[in-house]
């Protein structure tokens, strides 16, 4: 086998050490699967344009700012709590549930007063 995969996880190549111990009866790590990547950005409702300078946190952990595009978060599958903060938003920010079912891109829509 050259490739290891499992639903809900990022796939990987088979490690070289797995062939060296095959048939020895020892447990072998054939590959280390990564958690799905969620890309999160703050977008306008009208035209889905990305809004820079938004702070993105998931489950209380700060992942980054949307200055250069979406923020990438490596998250296990399941339910999470997303917090997006921006100077145009109320002081508590946007606190939303986030369900990860695999790699995903998520735009958090927000309406700004004109």
Foldseek 3Di string as FASTA:
>chain_A
DQKDDDFQWAIDGFDPVCVVCPPVPDDDDRDDTFGAKEWEFEAEPPPRDGDWQKWKDKQNHTQDTCNPHTGIDRDGAAKIWIFIDDPQDPPRGDIDIDGRRHHYYYYHYDHGDD
